[in-house]
Amino acid sequence: MLHGVDVSSHQSSFDTDGLDFVFVKATEGRSYVNPHLAEQVKRARDAQCVVGFYHFLWPGDINAQADYFVSKASEKAGDLLAVDWEQNGEGTSPSNAEKDSFIREVKRLRPHNKVLLYCNRSFWLNHDTTSYAGDGLWIADYVPQGKPRIEASWRIHQYTDQPLDRDVADFPSRAALLAWAKG
């Protein structure tokens, strides 16, 4: 298993020691950009980590959100792209169709990047009806690393949020993750 973290504006700095990959929140909706995006990506690249970008999806204007996301996430071979599908601060969430449409639109806009679905176990088991995760599922379930309580195949497992979001990826080496990401 490879080790990584995912960060947002709440983690203006983070330690890259022992990390193989870093996901950085890039955007949310159609107007928010992480103010620490550039420095967080630089820190991850300087540590030679595989870099991923994620977008917090809101209901509505799915194509506009996809356009906005890819306009803010750098376009580099081997970078990963993900949609964060969960309940927002207003208590609403995008539908299955909106989640699926967003993933498909990002894949259309960035055909050479892998696009993943991030969601928690509850969303996967109780809200998802299509099981569409693009190129891979990134599942949040706070149990021992690499042992999420789902039957579906997964690529990344977020296993804790203390002191920050920590993840493992189901790849034998960083080179294998990078080869998959570029493939």
Protein backbone atom coordinates (compact mmCIF):
# COMPACT_ATOMS: atom_id res chain seq x y z
CA MET A 1 0.00 0.00 0.00
CA LEU A 2 1.08 3.52 -0.76
CA HIS A 3 0.52 6.39 1.68
CA GLY A 4 -0.95 9.78 0.99
CA VAL A 5 -3.00 12.67 2.27
CA ASP A 6 -5.68 14.94 0.95
CA VAL A 7 -5.58 18.59 1.87
CA SER A 8 -7.73 21.69 1.49
CA SER A 9 -7.44 25.31 2.56
CA HIS A 10 -7.66 24.10 6.19
CA GLN A 11 -4.13 22.65 5.91
CA SER A 12 -1.99 25.52 4.69
CA SER A 13 1.06 23.35 5.37
CA PHE A 14 1.56 19.62 5.71
CA ASP A 15 4.47 17.21 6.03
CA THR A 16 5.31 15.12 2.96
CA ASP A 17 7.70 12.70 4.71
CA GLY A 18 6.69 9.15 3.85
CA LEU A 19 4.01 10.20 1.36
CA ASP A 20 3.63 8.78 -2.13
CA PHE A 21 0.66 10.90 -3.24
CA VAL A 22 -1.16 14.09 -2.30
CA PHE A 23 -4.66 15.16 -3.33
CA VAL A 24 -5.29 18.91 -3.15
CA LYS A 25 -8.73 20.49 -3.11
CA ALA A 26 -8.77 22.73 -6.17
CA THR A 27 -12.33 23.98 -6.47
CA GLU A 28 -15.88 23.88 -5.20
CA GLY A 29 -19.02 24.74 -7.10
CA ARG A 30 -18.42 27.41 -9.74
CA SER A 31 -16.65 30.13 -7.77
CA TYR A 32 -14.37 28.78 -5.04
CA VAL A 33 -10.65 28.13 -5.56
CA ASN A 34 -8.48 26.87 -2.72
CA PRO A 35 -6.28 29.88 -1.81
CA HIS A 36 -3.38 27.53 -0.98
CA LEU A 37 -3.67 25.48 -4.18
CA ALA A 38 -0.40 26.56 -5.84
CA GLU A 39 1.76 26.22 -2.73
CA GLN A 40 0.22 22.85 -1.75
CA VAL A 41 0.79 21.44 -5.25
CA LYS A 42 4.37 22.76 -5.26
CA ARG A 43 5.06 21.12 -1.89
CA ALA A 44 3.74 17.78 -3.20
CA ARG A 45 5.66 18.02 -6.49
CA ASP A 46 8.87 19.05 -4.69
CA ALA A 47 8.54 15.84 -2.63
CA GLN A 48 8.07 13.88 -5.90
CA CYS A 49 4.60 12.73 -4.86
CA VAL A 50 1.93 11.82 -7.38
CA VAL A 51 -0.46 14.78 -7.38
CA GLY A 52 -4.23 14.71 -7.51
CA PHE A 53 -6.80 17.48 -7.61
CA TYR A 54 -10.35 17.28 -6.33
CA HIS A 55 -13.54 19.28 -6.79
CA PHE A 56 -16.31 19.50 -4.17
CA LEU A 57 -19.44 18.99 -6.25
CA TRP A 58 -22.63 21.00 -5.66
CA PRO A 59 -26.02 20.25 -7.24
CA GLY A 60 -26.71 22.00 -10.57
CA ASP A 61 -24.67 23.44 -13.46
CA ILE A 62 -22.61 20.25 -13.76
CA ASN A 63 -20.86 21.09 -17.05
CA ALA A 64 -20.00 24.57 -15.76
CA GLN A 65 -18.52 23.01 -12.60
CA ALA A 66 -16.48 20.55 -14.68
CA ASP A 67 -15.17 23.39 -16.87
CA TYR A 68 -14.32 25.43 -13.79
CA PHE A 69 -12.50 22.51 -12.14
CA VAL A 70 -10.31 21.64 -15.12
CA SER A 71 -9.52 25.33 -15.67
CA LYS A 72 -7.98 25.50 -12.17
CA ALA A 73 -6.31 22.06 -11.98
CA SER A 74 -3.01 22.01 -13.85
CA GLU A 75 -2.87 19.77 -16.88
CA LYS A 76 0.04 17.39 -16.38
CA ALA A 77 0.39 13.77 -17.40
CA GLY A 78 0.07 11.53 -14.37
CA ASP A 79 -1.99 13.95 -12.30
CA LEU A 80 -5.20 12.48 -10.91
CA LEU A 81 -8.58 14.21 -10.89
CA ALA A 82 -11.41 13.44 -8.48
CA VAL A 83 -14.91 14.55 -7.62
CA ASP A 84 -15.84 14.83 -3.93
CA TRP A 85 -19.46 13.66 -3.73
CA GLU A 86 -21.07 14.19 -0.35
CA GLN A 87 -23.56 16.33 1.52
CA ASN A 88 -22.74 20.04 1.50
CA GLY A 89 -23.08 22.57 4.29
CA GLU A 90 -26.66 23.32 3.24
CA GLY A 91 -27.68 19.68 3.72
CA THR A 92 -28.10 18.93 0.02
CA SER A 93 -26.06 16.78 -2.32
CA PRO A 94 -25.77 16.23 -6.05
CA SER A 95 -27.83 13.39 -7.48
CA ASN A 96 -26.39 10.18 -8.88
CA ALA A 97 -27.01 11.52 -12.38
CA GLU A 98 -25.15 14.75 -11.56
CA LYS A 99 -22.22 12.82 -10.06
CA ASP A 100 -22.04 10.56 -13.12
CA SER A 101 -22.36 13.50 -15.53
CA PHE A 102 -19.58 15.40 -13.78
CA ILE A 103 -17.20 12.44 -13.99
CA ARG A 104 -18.02 11.88 -17.67
CA GLU A 105 -17.58 15.57 -18.49
CA VAL A 106 -14.21 15.79 -16.74
CA LYS A 107 -13.12 12.62 -18.57
CA ARG A 108 -14.21 14.26 -21.84
CA LEU A 109 -12.35 17.47 -21.04
CA ARG A 110 -9.24 15.66 -19.77
CA PRO A 111 -9.12 12.33 -21.63
CA HIS A 112 -5.49 11.72 -20.63
CA ASN A 113 -6.07 11.98 -16.86
CA LYS A 114 -7.65 9.39 -14.59
CA VAL A 115 -10.84 10.61 -12.93
CA LEU A 116 -11.95 9.13 -9.61
CA LEU A 117 -14.99 9.32 -7.38
CA TYR A 118 -14.46 10.21 -3.72
CA CYS A 119 -17.29 9.49 -1.32
CA ASN A 120 -17.80 8.11 2.15
CA ARG A 121 -19.04 4.63 2.91
CA SER A 122 -22.55 5.85 3.71
CA PHE A 123 -22.90 7.59 0.34
CA TRP A 124 -21.55 4.55 -1.50
CA LEU A 125 -23.90 2.13 0.27
CA ASN A 126 -27.00 4.29 0.75
CA HIS A 127 -27.04 6.98 -1.96
CA ASP A 128 -25.19 5.57 -4.94
CA THR A 129 -27.43 3.71 -7.37
CA THR A 130 -25.16 3.53 -10.43
CA SER A 131 -21.83 2.35 -8.95
CA TYR A 132 -20.14 4.62 -11.51
CA ALA A 133 -16.79 5.79 -10.18
CA GLY A 134 -15.02 6.76 -13.40
CA ASP A 135 -11.53 5.27 -13.34
CA GLY A 136 -11.62 4.30 -9.69
CA LEU A 137 -13.26 4.60 -6.31
CA TRP A 138 -11.68 6.60 -3.49
CA ILE A 139 -13.63 5.54 -0.43
CA ALA A 140 -13.69 7.16 3.01
CA ASP A 141 -14.28 4.70 5.82
CA TYR A 142 -12.54 5.23 9.18
CA VAL A 143 -11.37 1.72 9.86
CA PRO A 144 -7.91 0.10 9.65
CA GLN A 145 -6.07 1.24 6.53
CA GLY A 146 -6.71 -0.79 3.41
CA LYS A 147 -9.80 -2.48 4.86
CA PRO A 148 -12.82 -0.38 3.89
CA ARG A 149 -16.13 -2.05 4.64
CA ILE A 150 -17.42 -2.26 1.07
CA GLU A 151 -17.56 -5.04 -1.49
CA ALA A 152 -16.68 -2.85 -4.49
CA SER A 153 -13.19 -2.54 -5.91
CA TRP A 154 -11.41 0.59 -4.73
CA ARG A 155 -8.15 2.38 -5.58
CA ILE A 156 -7.76 4.70 -2.58
CA HIS A 157 -8.96 4.37 1.00
CA GLN A 158 -9.22 7.39 3.32
CA TYR A 159 -8.96 5.73 6.72
CA THR A 160 -8.76 8.70 9.13
CA ASP A 161 -9.16 12.44 9.37
CA GLN A 162 -6.92 12.85 12.41
CA PRO A 163 -4.80 14.95 12.44
CA LEU A 164 -5.58 15.29 8.72
CA ASP A 165 -7.11 13.14 5.99
CA ARG A 166 -4.82 10.13 5.52
CA ASP A 167 -5.16 7.66 2.69
CA VAL A 168 -3.67 4.49 1.28
CA ALA A 169 -3.65 3.50 -2.38
CA ASP A 170 -3.87 -0.09 -3.57
CA PHE A 171 -0.70 -0.11 -5.67
CA PRO A 172 2.57 -1.99 -5.08
CA SER A 173 4.80 1.04 -5.73
CA ARG A 174 4.77 4.74 -6.55
CA ALA A 175 5.98 3.79 -10.05
CA ALA A 176 2.94 1.51 -10.45
CA LEU A 177 0.60 4.30 -9.35
CA LEU A 178 2.22 6.73 -11.75
CA ALA A 179 2.11 4.21 -14.62
CA TRP A 180 -1.62 3.66 -13.95
CA ALA A 181 -2.22 7.40 -13.73
CA LYS A 182 -0.48 7.98 -17.07
CA GLY A 183 -2.05 4.94 -18.76
